N, C-alpha and C. Protein backbone atom coordinates (compact mmCIF):
# COMPACT_ATOMS: atom_id res chain seq x y z
N MET A 1 0.90 -1.16 0.00
CA MET A 1 -0.09 0.05 0.01
C MET A 1 0.89 1.35 -0.01
N ALA A 2 0.50 2.18 -0.68
CA ALA A 2 1.13 3.50 -0.79
C ALA A 2 0.39 4.74 -0.11
N VAL A 3 1.15 5.41 0.76
CA VAL A 3 0.47 6.62 1.37
C VAL A 3 0.89 7.78 0.25
N ILE A 4 -0.29 8.44 -0.06
CA ILE A 4 -0.11 9.56 -0.98
C ILE A 4 -0.45 10.83 -0.34
N VAL A 5 0.42 11.92 -0.40
CA VAL A 5 0.14 13.19 0.03
C VAL A 5 0.34 14.15 -1.19
N ALA A 6 -0.75 15.12 -1.27
CA ALA A 6 -0.66 16.09 -2.38
C ALA A 6 -0.66 17.56 -1.52
N VAL A 7 0.50 18.19 -2.00
CA VAL A 7 0.67 19.60 -1.43
C VAL A 7 0.59 20.58 -2.47
N ALA A 8 -0.06 21.67 -2.08
CA ALA A 8 -0.26 22.74 -3.12
C ALA A 8 0.34 24.09 -2.71
N VAL A 9 0.74 24.94 -3.57
CA VAL A 9 1.00 26.36 -3.43
C VAL A 9 -0.14 27.14 -3.95
N ASN A 10 -0.72 27.89 -2.98
CA ASN A 10 -1.86 28.71 -3.44
C ASN A 10 -1.54 29.99 -3.93
N THR A 11 -2.39 30.72 -4.43
CA THR A 11 -2.14 32.07 -5.06
C THR A 11 -1.66 33.07 -3.84
N ASP A 12 -1.89 32.74 -2.62
CA ASP A 12 -1.32 33.64 -1.66
C ASP A 12 0.20 33.20 -1.29
N GLY A 13 0.74 32.36 -2.18
CA GLY A 13 2.22 32.01 -2.07
C GLY A 13 2.45 31.01 -0.80
N ARG A 14 1.39 30.50 -0.21
CA ARG A 14 1.77 29.47 0.80
C ARG A 14 1.47 28.05 0.46
N ARG A 15 2.15 27.18 1.21
CA ARG A 15 2.07 25.69 0.81
C ARG A 15 0.85 25.16 1.79
N GLU A 16 0.01 24.32 1.18
CA GLU A 16 -0.90 23.73 2.08
C GLU A 16 -1.11 22.27 1.72
N ILE A 17 -1.63 21.45 2.55
CA ILE A 17 -1.89 20.07 2.31
C ILE A 17 -3.22 19.91 1.54
N LEU A 18 -3.28 19.44 0.49
CA LEU A 18 -4.63 19.20 -0.21
C LEU A 18 -5.44 18.01 0.21
N GLY A 19 -4.55 16.90 0.34
CA GLY A 19 -5.24 15.55 0.96
C GLY A 19 -4.28 14.41 1.07
N ILE A 20 -4.75 13.50 1.58
CA ILE A 20 -3.94 12.18 1.85
C ILE A 20 -4.78 11.14 1.41
N THR A 21 -4.28 9.99 1.03
CA THR A 21 -5.01 8.66 0.72
C THR A 21 -4.13 7.54 0.77
N VAL A 22 -4.60 6.28 0.97
CA VAL A 22 -3.85 5.16 0.88
C VAL A 22 -4.33 4.35 -0.35
N MET A 23 -3.41 4.03 -1.20
CA MET A 23 -3.85 3.38 -2.44
C MET A 23 -3.19 1.89 -2.58
N PRO A 24 -3.71 0.91 -3.11
CA PRO A 24 -3.05 -0.36 -3.26
C PRO A 24 -2.06 -0.44 -4.36
N SER A 25 -2.17 0.42 -5.32
CA SER A 25 -1.28 0.66 -6.31
C SER A 25 -1.31 2.06 -6.88
N GLU A 26 -0.32 2.44 -7.72
CA GLU A 26 -0.20 3.71 -8.32
C GLU A 26 -0.58 3.80 -9.83
N ALA A 27 -1.53 2.98 -10.18
CA ALA A 27 -1.99 2.95 -11.57
C ALA A 27 -2.91 4.19 -11.85
N GLU A 28 -3.02 4.44 -13.05
CA GLU A 28 -3.77 5.71 -13.46
C GLU A 28 -5.19 5.80 -12.81
N THR A 29 -5.92 4.59 -12.69
CA THR A 29 -7.34 4.68 -12.28
C THR A 29 -7.28 5.21 -10.72
N PHE A 30 -6.35 4.75 -9.99
CA PHE A 30 -6.30 5.09 -8.56
C PHE A 30 -5.87 6.55 -8.45
N TRP A 31 -4.93 7.04 -9.27
CA TRP A 31 -4.51 8.38 -9.19
C TRP A 31 -5.74 9.33 -9.68
N ALA A 32 -6.35 8.85 -10.67
CA ALA A 32 -7.79 9.55 -11.18
C ALA A 32 -8.72 9.78 -10.09
N ASP A 33 -8.88 8.85 -9.33
CA ASP A 33 -9.89 8.75 -8.33
C ASP A 33 -9.47 9.70 -7.18
N PHE A 34 -8.18 9.66 -6.98
CA PHE A 34 -7.64 10.62 -5.86
C PHE A 34 -7.79 12.06 -6.21
N LEU A 35 -7.35 12.44 -7.53
CA LEU A 35 -7.50 13.81 -8.01
C LEU A 35 -8.76 14.32 -8.02
N ARG A 36 -9.74 13.25 -8.52
CA ARG A 36 -11.13 13.77 -8.57
C ARG A 36 -11.77 14.09 -7.08
N SER A 37 -11.21 13.26 -6.26
CA SER A 37 -11.65 13.73 -4.67
C SER A 37 -11.34 15.08 -4.33
N LEU A 38 -10.05 15.57 -4.92
CA LEU A 38 -9.62 16.87 -4.51
C LEU A 38 -10.53 17.87 -5.27
N THR A 39 -10.89 17.48 -6.55
CA THR A 39 -11.65 18.59 -7.37
C THR A 39 -12.94 18.71 -6.85
N ARG A 40 -13.60 17.53 -6.23
CA ARG A 40 -15.04 17.64 -5.72
C ARG A 40 -14.93 18.52 -4.56
N ARG A 41 -13.70 18.77 -3.73
CA ARG A 41 -13.64 19.37 -2.54
C ARG A 41 -13.26 20.81 -2.95
N GLY A 42 -13.14 21.17 -4.26
CA GLY A 42 -13.00 22.55 -4.73
C GLY A 42 -11.58 22.86 -5.27
N LEU A 43 -10.78 21.95 -5.56
CA LEU A 43 -9.52 22.32 -6.18
C LEU A 43 -9.54 22.55 -7.62
N ARG A 44 -9.10 23.94 -7.91
CA ARG A 44 -9.18 24.40 -9.24
C ARG A 44 -7.83 25.21 -9.60
N GLY A 45 -7.83 25.38 -10.94
CA GLY A 45 -6.64 26.29 -11.36
C GLY A 45 -5.32 25.75 -11.23
N VAL A 46 -5.11 24.32 -11.28
CA VAL A 46 -3.77 23.75 -11.02
C VAL A 46 -3.01 23.84 -12.43
N GLN A 47 -1.87 24.51 -12.23
CA GLN A 47 -0.97 24.94 -13.35
C GLN A 47 0.15 23.68 -13.55
N LEU A 48 0.48 23.08 -12.65
CA LEU A 48 1.52 22.05 -12.86
C LEU A 48 1.69 20.95 -11.75
N VAL A 49 1.69 19.76 -12.23
CA VAL A 49 1.86 18.60 -11.23
C VAL A 49 3.21 18.17 -11.27
N ILE A 50 3.92 18.06 -10.14
CA ILE A 50 5.30 17.50 -9.85
C ILE A 50 5.48 16.31 -9.23
N SER A 51 6.11 15.40 -9.76
CA SER A 51 6.31 14.09 -9.07
C SER A 51 7.55 13.45 -9.64
N ASP A 52 7.93 12.30 -9.30
CA ASP A 52 8.79 11.50 -10.02
C ASP A 52 8.03 10.84 -11.25
N ALA A 53 8.75 9.75 -11.75
CA ALA A 53 8.13 9.23 -13.12
C ALA A 53 7.02 8.25 -12.75
N HIS A 54 5.87 8.87 -12.47
CA HIS A 54 4.71 8.02 -12.42
C HIS A 54 3.76 8.17 -13.51
N GLU A 55 3.93 7.38 -14.66
CA GLU A 55 3.04 7.47 -15.76
C GLU A 55 1.43 7.63 -15.40
N GLY A 56 1.16 6.85 -14.52
CA GLY A 56 -0.39 6.94 -14.02
C GLY A 56 -0.69 8.25 -13.66
N LEU A 57 0.12 8.90 -12.71
CA LEU A 57 -0.12 10.22 -12.37
C LEU A 57 -0.09 11.22 -13.40
N LYS A 58 0.84 11.07 -14.30
CA LYS A 58 1.00 12.14 -15.51
C LYS A 58 -0.33 11.99 -16.30
N ALA A 59 -0.87 10.68 -16.60
CA ALA A 59 -2.00 10.69 -17.43
C ALA A 59 -3.36 11.20 -16.73
N ALA A 60 -3.31 10.85 -15.44
CA ALA A 60 -4.34 11.34 -14.69
C ALA A 60 -4.59 12.66 -14.42
N SER A 61 -3.54 13.36 -14.12
CA SER A 61 -3.42 14.84 -13.99
C SER A 61 -3.82 15.56 -15.22
N ARG A 62 -3.46 15.01 -16.35
CA ARG A 62 -3.81 15.60 -17.70
C ARG A 62 -5.38 15.62 -17.90
N LYS A 63 -6.02 14.47 -17.60
CA LYS A 63 -7.34 14.12 -17.77
C LYS A 63 -8.29 14.84 -16.81
N VAL A 64 -7.74 14.76 -15.54
CA VAL A 64 -8.69 15.20 -14.41
C VAL A 64 -8.48 16.70 -14.17
N LEU A 65 -7.18 17.17 -14.24
CA LEU A 65 -6.93 18.55 -13.71
C LEU A 65 -6.62 19.48 -15.08
N GLY A 66 -6.38 18.88 -16.16
CA GLY A 66 -5.88 19.62 -17.32
C GLY A 66 -4.50 20.39 -17.14
N ALA A 67 -3.66 19.71 -16.31
CA ALA A 67 -2.61 20.44 -15.84
C ALA A 67 -1.34 19.70 -16.58
N GLY A 68 -0.13 20.72 -16.71
CA GLY A 68 1.04 20.13 -17.20
C GLY A 68 1.76 19.27 -16.14
N TRP A 69 2.76 18.57 -16.62
CA TRP A 69 3.56 17.63 -15.52
C TRP A 69 5.04 17.98 -15.60
N GLN A 70 5.56 18.07 -14.47
CA GLN A 70 7.01 18.19 -14.18
C GLN A 70 7.65 16.94 -13.62
N ARG A 71 8.57 16.32 -14.39
CA ARG A 71 9.09 15.09 -13.94
C ARG A 71 10.23 15.68 -12.93
N CYS A 72 10.30 15.07 -11.60
CA CYS A 72 11.24 15.60 -10.63
C CYS A 72 12.63 15.54 -11.21
N ARG A 73 13.35 16.71 -11.23
CA ARG A 73 14.76 16.70 -11.77
C ARG A 73 15.79 15.81 -11.12
N VAL A 74 15.54 15.76 -9.72
CA VAL A 74 16.44 15.01 -8.83
C VAL A 74 16.29 13.42 -9.19
N HIS A 75 15.10 13.13 -9.17
CA HIS A 75 14.74 11.77 -9.47
C HIS A 75 15.24 11.29 -10.78
N PHE A 76 15.06 12.12 -11.83
CA PHE A 76 15.52 11.69 -13.21
C PHE A 76 17.00 11.56 -13.23
N GLN A 77 17.69 12.55 -12.36
CA GLN A 77 19.20 12.36 -12.48
C GLN A 77 19.63 11.05 -11.84
N ARG A 78 18.91 10.58 -10.75
CA ARG A 78 19.26 9.41 -10.34
C ARG A 78 19.02 8.20 -11.29
N ASN A 79 17.79 8.22 -11.84
CA ASN A 79 17.50 7.25 -12.97
C ASN A 79 18.48 7.31 -14.04
N LEU A 80 18.94 8.48 -14.57
CA LEU A 80 19.95 8.46 -15.48
C LEU A 80 21.39 7.99 -15.05
N LEU A 81 21.71 8.31 -13.78
CA LEU A 81 23.11 7.72 -13.58
C LEU A 81 23.09 6.23 -13.20
N ALA A 82 21.76 5.63 -12.97
CA ALA A 82 21.80 4.20 -12.79
C ALA A 82 21.94 3.52 -14.11
N ARG A 83 22.18 4.21 -15.20
CA ARG A 83 22.42 3.47 -16.48
C ARG A 83 23.92 3.59 -16.69
N VAL A 84 24.68 4.02 -15.78
CA VAL A 84 26.12 4.40 -16.09
C VAL A 84 26.90 3.57 -15.10
N GLY A 85 28.05 3.22 -15.44
CA GLY A 85 29.02 2.57 -14.51
C GLY A 85 29.54 3.50 -13.59
N LYS A 86 30.00 3.08 -12.43
CA LYS A 86 30.38 3.82 -11.30
C LYS A 86 31.55 4.81 -11.69
N THR A 87 32.38 4.40 -12.47
CA THR A 87 33.63 5.28 -12.82
C THR A 87 33.21 6.47 -13.68
N ASN A 88 32.00 6.36 -14.42
CA ASN A 88 31.66 7.41 -15.39
C ASN A 88 30.59 8.23 -14.80
N LYS A 89 30.05 7.92 -13.56
CA LYS A 89 28.96 8.67 -13.07
C LYS A 89 29.41 10.11 -12.95
N PRO A 90 30.59 10.47 -12.35
CA PRO A 90 30.85 11.98 -12.11
C PRO A 90 30.92 12.70 -13.49
N VAL A 91 31.42 12.13 -14.51
CA VAL A 91 31.51 12.87 -15.97
C VAL A 91 30.03 13.08 -16.35
N VAL A 92 29.44 12.03 -16.36
CA VAL A 92 27.96 12.18 -17.00
C VAL A 92 27.05 13.01 -16.27
N SER A 93 27.16 13.03 -14.91
CA SER A 93 26.40 13.92 -13.97
C SER A 93 26.87 15.39 -14.30
N ALA A 94 28.14 15.60 -14.46
CA ALA A 94 28.58 17.11 -14.60
C ALA A 94 28.16 17.59 -16.00
N VAL A 95 28.09 16.88 -17.06
CA VAL A 95 27.79 17.33 -18.15
C VAL A 95 26.26 17.38 -18.43
N VAL A 96 25.55 16.69 -17.82
CA VAL A 96 23.99 16.81 -17.62
C VAL A 96 23.63 18.19 -16.99
N LYS A 97 24.41 18.39 -15.81
CA LYS A 97 24.03 19.57 -14.95
C LYS A 97 24.29 21.03 -15.85
N THR A 98 25.12 20.94 -16.91
CA THR A 98 25.34 22.09 -17.65
C THR A 98 23.89 22.58 -18.27
N VAL A 99 23.10 21.64 -18.53
CA VAL A 99 21.74 21.92 -19.00
C VAL A 99 21.05 22.78 -17.98
N PHE A 100 20.97 22.37 -16.84
CA PHE A 100 20.23 23.11 -15.82
C PHE A 100 20.84 24.52 -15.48
N ALA A 101 22.07 24.70 -15.87
CA ALA A 101 22.56 26.03 -15.66
C ALA A 101 22.09 27.12 -16.49
N GLU A 102 21.51 26.76 -17.58
CA GLU A 102 20.97 27.75 -18.57
C GLU A 102 19.72 28.25 -18.07
N LYS A 103 19.60 29.74 -18.25
CA LYS A 103 18.56 30.51 -17.85
C LYS A 103 17.37 30.49 -18.79
N ASP A 104 17.71 30.57 -20.14
CA ASP A 104 16.80 30.63 -21.15
C ASP A 104 16.27 29.39 -21.56
N ARG A 105 14.87 29.26 -21.77
CA ARG A 105 14.25 28.02 -21.91
C ARG A 105 14.68 27.50 -23.29
N ASP A 106 14.73 28.17 -24.37
CA ASP A 106 15.17 27.53 -25.59
C ASP A 106 16.52 27.11 -25.67
N GLN A 107 17.54 27.86 -24.96
CA GLN A 107 18.85 27.52 -24.77
C GLN A 107 19.07 26.15 -23.94
N ALA A 108 18.26 25.97 -23.02
CA ALA A 108 18.25 24.72 -22.05
C ALA A 108 17.75 23.66 -22.96
N HIS A 109 16.78 23.74 -23.83
CA HIS A 109 16.43 22.55 -24.66
C HIS A 109 17.36 22.45 -25.76
N ALA A 110 18.14 23.36 -26.26
CA ALA A 110 19.22 23.00 -27.22
C ALA A 110 20.43 22.46 -26.57
N ARG A 111 20.71 22.87 -25.39
CA ARG A 111 21.73 22.22 -24.57
C ARG A 111 21.56 20.82 -24.31
N TRP A 112 20.23 20.51 -23.88
CA TRP A 112 19.73 19.18 -23.56
C TRP A 112 20.18 18.38 -24.78
N ARG A 113 19.88 18.72 -25.94
CA ARG A 113 20.03 17.94 -27.25
C ARG A 113 21.53 17.91 -27.61
N GLU A 114 22.31 18.78 -27.29
CA GLU A 114 23.62 18.73 -27.50
C GLU A 114 24.21 17.53 -26.54
N VAL A 115 23.86 17.74 -25.41
CA VAL A 115 24.31 16.72 -24.47
C VAL A 115 23.98 15.27 -24.69
N ALA A 116 22.81 15.07 -25.03
CA ALA A 116 22.35 13.73 -25.53
C ALA A 116 23.10 13.18 -26.63
N ASP A 117 23.32 13.91 -27.70
CA ASP A 117 24.05 13.61 -28.78
C ASP A 117 25.45 13.35 -28.41
N SER A 118 26.18 14.21 -27.51
CA SER A 118 27.47 13.88 -27.12
C SER A 118 27.69 12.62 -26.38
N LEU A 119 26.67 12.27 -25.66
CA LEU A 119 26.77 10.87 -24.96
C LEU A 119 26.19 9.69 -25.66
N ARG A 120 25.70 9.82 -26.91
CA ARG A 120 25.04 8.83 -27.56
C ARG A 120 26.05 7.62 -27.96
N ASP A 121 27.23 7.92 -28.31
CA ASP A 121 28.13 6.78 -28.74
C ASP A 121 28.41 5.98 -27.61
N ARG A 122 28.76 6.67 -26.42
CA ARG A 122 29.30 5.66 -25.37
C ARG A 122 28.27 5.33 -24.34
N PHE A 123 27.28 6.12 -24.20
CA PHE A 123 26.16 5.81 -23.33
C PHE A 123 24.76 5.85 -24.01
N ARG A 124 24.48 5.02 -24.99
CA ARG A 124 23.33 5.08 -25.68
C ARG A 124 21.90 4.83 -24.80
N ASP A 125 22.10 4.23 -23.66
CA ASP A 125 20.86 4.22 -22.72
C ASP A 125 20.65 5.50 -22.11
N VAL A 126 21.64 6.25 -21.85
CA VAL A 126 21.53 7.60 -21.17
C VAL A 126 20.87 8.52 -22.24
N ALA A 127 21.49 8.54 -23.39
CA ALA A 127 20.93 9.26 -24.57
C ALA A 127 19.53 8.98 -24.91
N GLU A 128 19.12 7.88 -24.83
CA GLU A 128 17.77 7.52 -25.14
C GLU A 128 16.70 7.84 -24.05
N LEU A 129 17.16 7.79 -22.85
CA LEU A 129 16.46 8.44 -21.62
C LEU A 129 16.25 9.96 -21.78
N MET A 130 17.36 10.62 -22.15
CA MET A 130 17.23 12.04 -22.27
C MET A 130 16.33 12.27 -23.57
N ASP A 131 16.39 11.62 -24.58
CA ASP A 131 15.43 11.93 -25.72
C ASP A 131 13.96 11.79 -25.18
N GLU A 132 13.73 10.69 -24.42
CA GLU A 132 12.33 10.45 -23.89
C GLU A 132 11.81 11.48 -22.96
N ALA A 133 12.81 12.08 -22.06
CA ALA A 133 12.37 12.95 -20.84
C ALA A 133 12.47 14.24 -21.08
N GLU A 134 12.98 14.72 -22.09
CA GLU A 134 13.36 16.19 -22.25
C GLU A 134 12.28 17.18 -21.73
N HIS A 135 11.12 17.11 -22.54
CA HIS A 135 9.94 18.04 -22.19
C HIS A 135 9.43 17.93 -20.80
N ASP A 136 9.35 16.66 -20.31
CA ASP A 136 8.89 16.50 -18.87
C ASP A 136 9.93 16.93 -17.91
N VAL A 137 11.12 16.89 -18.00
CA VAL A 137 12.28 17.27 -17.15
C VAL A 137 12.22 18.87 -17.12
N LEU A 138 12.06 19.53 -18.32
CA LEU A 138 12.36 20.95 -18.40
C LEU A 138 11.06 21.66 -18.46
N ALA A 139 9.89 21.02 -18.04
CA ALA A 139 8.79 21.75 -18.16
C ALA A 139 8.78 23.10 -17.22
N TYR A 140 9.44 22.81 -16.02
CA TYR A 140 9.52 24.17 -15.19
C TYR A 140 10.25 25.40 -15.79
N MET A 141 10.87 25.14 -16.97
CA MET A 141 11.49 26.30 -17.56
C MET A 141 10.39 27.25 -18.32
N ALA A 142 9.15 26.82 -18.41
CA ALA A 142 8.15 27.55 -19.01
C ALA A 142 7.71 28.65 -17.85
N PHE A 143 8.17 28.65 -16.69
CA PHE A 143 7.60 29.46 -15.72
C PHE A 143 8.70 30.54 -15.47
N ASP A 144 8.42 31.65 -14.72
CA ASP A 144 9.23 32.66 -14.45
C ASP A 144 10.47 32.14 -13.53
N GLU A 145 11.66 32.73 -13.92
CA GLU A 145 12.86 32.26 -13.26
C GLU A 145 12.75 32.25 -11.59
N SER A 146 12.08 33.26 -11.04
CA SER A 146 11.99 33.23 -9.67
C SER A 146 11.16 32.13 -9.08
N LEU A 147 10.52 31.34 -9.89
CA LEU A 147 9.70 30.11 -9.31
C LEU A 147 10.49 28.89 -9.54
N ARG A 148 11.36 28.92 -10.45
CA ARG A 148 11.93 27.57 -10.99
C ARG A 148 12.55 26.74 -9.90
N SER A 149 13.17 27.27 -8.94
CA SER A 149 14.00 26.54 -7.92
C SER A 149 12.98 25.66 -7.13
N LYS A 150 11.66 26.13 -7.07
CA LYS A 150 10.50 25.53 -6.20
C LYS A 150 9.74 24.49 -7.01
N LEU A 151 9.99 24.54 -8.51
CA LEU A 151 9.22 23.62 -9.31
C LEU A 151 9.91 22.65 -9.98
N HIS A 152 11.27 22.65 -10.00
CA HIS A 152 11.94 21.58 -10.74
C HIS A 152 12.05 20.20 -10.01
N SER A 153 11.61 20.00 -8.70
CA SER A 153 11.75 18.71 -8.08
C SER A 153 10.63 18.62 -6.76
N THR A 154 10.67 17.44 -6.44
CA THR A 154 9.70 17.15 -5.30
C THR A 154 10.59 17.45 -3.95
N ASN A 155 11.67 17.93 -3.94
CA ASN A 155 12.53 18.02 -2.89
C ASN A 155 11.87 18.78 -1.69
N PRO A 156 11.01 19.90 -1.91
CA PRO A 156 10.40 20.52 -0.60
C PRO A 156 9.50 19.55 0.04
N LEU A 157 9.35 18.38 -0.59
CA LEU A 157 8.33 17.37 0.17
C LEU A 157 9.12 16.30 0.95
N GLU A 158 10.45 16.47 0.96
CA GLU A 158 11.18 15.41 1.47
C GLU A 158 11.30 15.39 2.99
N ARG A 159 11.20 16.69 3.61
CA ARG A 159 11.08 16.64 5.05
C ARG A 159 9.88 16.13 5.49
N VAL A 160 8.73 16.38 4.88
CA VAL A 160 7.35 15.81 5.09
C VAL A 160 7.44 14.34 5.05
N ASN A 161 7.92 13.77 4.02
CA ASN A 161 7.96 12.32 3.80
C ASN A 161 8.88 11.67 4.86
N LYS A 162 10.04 12.42 5.25
CA LYS A 162 10.88 11.71 6.22
C LYS A 162 10.07 11.57 7.53
N GLU A 163 9.24 12.61 7.87
CA GLU A 163 8.59 12.59 9.22
C GLU A 163 7.31 11.53 9.11
N ILE A 164 6.84 11.42 7.94
CA ILE A 164 5.81 10.28 7.83
C ILE A 164 6.54 8.95 8.12
N LYS A 165 7.68 8.72 7.40
CA LYS A 165 8.33 7.53 7.44
C LYS A 165 8.80 7.22 8.91
N ARG A 166 9.37 8.37 9.66
CA ARG A 166 9.81 8.21 10.98
C ARG A 166 8.53 7.78 11.84
N ARG A 167 7.45 8.28 11.70
CA ARG A 167 6.27 8.16 12.66
C ARG A 167 5.63 6.69 12.37
N THR A 168 5.56 6.40 11.02
CA THR A 168 4.86 5.11 10.54
C THR A 168 5.72 3.90 10.97
N ASN A 169 7.18 4.14 10.83
CA ASN A 169 8.10 2.97 11.28
C ASN A 169 7.88 2.61 12.80
N VAL A 170 7.56 3.60 13.51
CA VAL A 170 7.55 3.24 15.01
C VAL A 170 6.20 2.32 15.11
N VAL A 171 5.15 2.47 14.42
CA VAL A 171 4.03 1.59 14.57
C VAL A 171 4.35 0.27 13.82
N GLY A 172 5.04 0.27 12.79
CA GLY A 172 5.24 -0.91 12.09
C GLY A 172 4.22 -1.52 11.19
N ILE A 173 3.30 -2.19 11.80
CA ILE A 173 2.16 -2.84 10.98
C ILE A 173 0.85 -2.14 11.45
N PHE A 174 0.08 -1.61 10.46
CA PHE A 174 -1.06 -0.93 10.83
C PHE A 174 -2.37 -2.07 10.64
N PRO A 175 -3.32 -1.98 11.43
CA PRO A 175 -4.41 -2.98 11.37
C PRO A 175 -5.35 -2.73 10.16
N ASN A 176 -5.39 -1.34 9.73
CA ASN A 176 -6.17 -1.23 8.68
C ASN A 176 -5.91 0.18 8.05
N ARG A 177 -6.40 0.51 6.84
CA ARG A 177 -6.29 1.72 6.08
C ARG A 177 -6.60 2.88 6.92
N GLU A 178 -7.69 2.91 7.69
CA GLU A 178 -8.10 4.01 8.51
C GLU A 178 -7.03 4.44 9.62
N ALA A 179 -6.46 3.47 10.07
CA ALA A 179 -5.39 3.73 11.13
C ALA A 179 -4.21 4.48 10.60
N VAL A 180 -3.97 4.02 9.23
CA VAL A 180 -2.88 4.87 8.59
C VAL A 180 -3.33 6.35 8.47
N ILE A 181 -4.50 6.56 7.93
CA ILE A 181 -4.95 7.87 7.71
C ILE A 181 -5.17 8.70 8.92
N ARG A 182 -5.61 7.97 9.96
CA ARG A 182 -5.61 8.75 11.26
C ARG A 182 -4.19 9.29 11.74
N LEU A 183 -3.19 8.60 11.58
CA LEU A 183 -1.97 8.88 12.08
C LEU A 183 -1.22 10.02 11.05
N VAL A 184 -1.32 9.58 9.86
CA VAL A 184 -0.60 10.55 8.71
C VAL A 184 -1.49 11.88 8.78
N GLY A 185 -2.82 11.68 8.84
CA GLY A 185 -3.57 12.83 8.81
C GLY A 185 -3.41 13.81 9.82
N ALA A 186 -3.17 13.32 11.10
CA ALA A 186 -2.87 14.22 12.22
C ALA A 186 -1.52 14.93 11.91
N LEU A 187 -0.52 14.24 11.46
CA LEU A 187 0.76 14.76 11.17
C LEU A 187 0.62 15.85 9.97
N MET A 188 -0.17 15.73 9.06
CA MET A 188 -0.43 16.65 8.00
C MET A 188 -1.19 17.83 8.39
N LEU A 189 -2.12 17.64 9.46
CA LEU A 189 -2.87 18.94 10.09
C LEU A 189 -1.87 19.75 10.82
N GLU A 190 -0.86 19.14 11.53
CA GLU A 190 0.10 19.94 12.12
C GLU A 190 0.97 20.67 11.19
N GLN A 191 1.34 20.03 10.15
CA GLN A 191 2.29 20.70 9.03
C GLN A 191 1.56 21.66 8.38
N ASN A 192 0.21 21.62 8.13
CA ASN A 192 -0.54 22.63 7.52
C ASN A 192 -0.72 23.73 8.44
N ASP A 193 -0.86 23.64 9.62
CA ASP A 193 -0.97 24.80 10.73
C ASP A 193 0.43 25.55 10.52
N GLU A 194 1.59 24.82 10.58
CA GLU A 194 2.75 25.34 10.48
C GLU A 194 2.98 26.30 9.24
N TRP A 195 2.73 25.63 8.19
CA TRP A 195 2.86 26.47 6.94
C TRP A 195 2.00 27.68 6.76
N ALA A 196 0.80 27.55 7.55
CA ALA A 196 -0.16 28.71 7.40
C ALA A 196 0.26 30.04 8.03
N VAL A 197 1.33 29.98 8.89
CA VAL A 197 1.84 30.93 9.67
C VAL A 197 3.25 31.29 9.44
N SER A 198 3.88 30.50 8.61
CA SER A 198 5.28 30.66 8.22
C SER A 198 5.35 31.57 6.89
N ARG A 199 6.50 32.08 6.44
CA ARG A 199 6.70 33.01 5.43
C ARG A 199 6.15 32.35 4.11
N ARG A 200 5.85 33.25 3.12
CA ARG A 200 5.44 32.76 1.79
C ARG A 200 6.37 31.86 1.23
N TYR A 201 6.06 30.77 0.49
CA TYR A 201 7.08 29.84 -0.22
C TYR A 201 7.28 30.48 -1.68
N MET A 202 6.38 31.23 -2.22
CA MET A 202 6.52 31.67 -3.59
C MET A 202 6.04 33.24 -3.53
N PRO A 203 6.61 34.09 -4.38
CA PRO A 203 6.15 35.48 -4.63
C PRO A 203 4.54 35.63 -5.08
N VAL A 204 3.82 36.20 -4.39
CA VAL A 204 2.47 36.23 -4.70
C VAL A 204 2.22 37.15 -6.20
N GLU A 205 3.11 38.09 -6.36
CA GLU A 205 2.81 38.79 -7.72
C GLU A 205 3.19 37.76 -8.96
N LYS A 206 4.24 37.04 -8.79
CA LYS A 206 4.45 36.00 -9.97
C LYS A 206 3.27 34.86 -10.06
N LEU A 207 2.85 34.59 -8.87
CA LEU A 207 1.74 33.49 -8.99
C LEU A 207 0.41 34.05 -9.62
N THR A 208 0.16 35.38 -9.18
CA THR A 208 -1.02 36.03 -9.75
C THR A 208 -0.98 36.11 -11.28
N ALA A 209 0.17 36.41 -11.76
CA ALA A 209 0.43 36.50 -13.14
C ALA A 209 0.20 35.28 -14.12
N ILE A 210 0.44 34.16 -13.43
CA ILE A 210 0.20 32.77 -14.18
C ILE A 210 -1.12 32.29 -13.95
N CYS A 211 -1.88 32.62 -12.78
CA CYS A 211 -3.14 31.78 -12.35
C CYS A 211 -4.40 32.61 -12.89
N ASN A 212 -5.23 31.74 -13.30
CA ASN A 212 -6.67 32.17 -13.76
C ASN A 212 -7.68 31.90 -12.61
N ASP A 213 -7.22 31.33 -11.61
CA ASP A 213 -8.18 30.87 -10.49
C ASP A 213 -7.50 31.22 -9.18
N THR A 214 -8.30 31.27 -8.24
CA THR A 214 -7.85 31.66 -6.81
C THR A 214 -7.54 30.42 -5.99
N GLU A 215 -7.60 29.14 -6.48
CA GLU A 215 -7.63 28.00 -5.65
C GLU A 215 -6.01 27.48 -5.56
N ALA A 216 -5.41 27.30 -6.55
CA ALA A 216 -4.13 26.67 -6.57
C ALA A 216 -3.24 27.11 -7.61
N ALA A 217 -2.06 27.36 -7.37
CA ALA A 217 -1.01 27.52 -8.38
C ALA A 217 -0.30 26.41 -8.87
N THR A 218 0.07 25.67 -7.95
CA THR A 218 1.01 24.54 -8.32
C THR A 218 0.64 23.32 -7.31
N MET A 219 0.61 22.24 -7.82
CA MET A 219 0.53 21.05 -6.94
C MET A 219 1.75 20.00 -7.01
N ILE A 220 2.13 19.72 -5.88
CA ILE A 220 3.07 18.59 -5.80
C ILE A 220 2.58 17.44 -5.30
N ALA A 221 2.76 16.30 -5.97
CA ALA A 221 2.10 15.06 -5.37
C ALA A 221 3.41 14.15 -5.30
N ALA A 222 3.48 13.45 -4.16
CA ALA A 222 4.61 12.41 -4.10
C ALA A 222 4.18 11.26 -3.05
N GLN A 223 4.83 10.28 -3.12
CA GLN A 223 4.58 9.14 -2.19
C GLN A 223 5.13 9.46 -0.79
């Protein structure tokens, strides 16, 4: 079973917990049911969904939310380096990171293709993954530069996920789904209250410029 947590940044620039659920798998049908439960509660105006490589979530977010999808850059780099031998990892990692140093969207895409082609002869698997993932990994480049550091990965959720794992590991085995939701739900209520009084996560003026709705600017969903 997977515990799913959805976090949003609203047009006030603050993070909030949208919802949690426990799913037997991460297939598209389960993701679609979860996202529909959020829209029934009023979620509107989602601009971008950010996760690691969940094809089910990617498809469901497009159908249910009409939103774009950002493949987590950090997870992508891990997937990429898993296709490379240990001695070559530093070199491949360094050359791929040159793409992310680009500030202009078109230049980033051009650099991406240059890097993929330069690696193709020695690391065909790496080049093929880059061919496949280009637009998903660079989706964040369509947004204002001031927002990109918060959009390119699911890293902002890591502290939340670690706390969930820490607390659930203490219990070990849960008797049922409801028990999981009670524990994780209580943790997420505490986190939501903390975010409500903390400093804004994103600048309001930039979010207002890209949102046509007052509900949510960006959603991050992760396991």
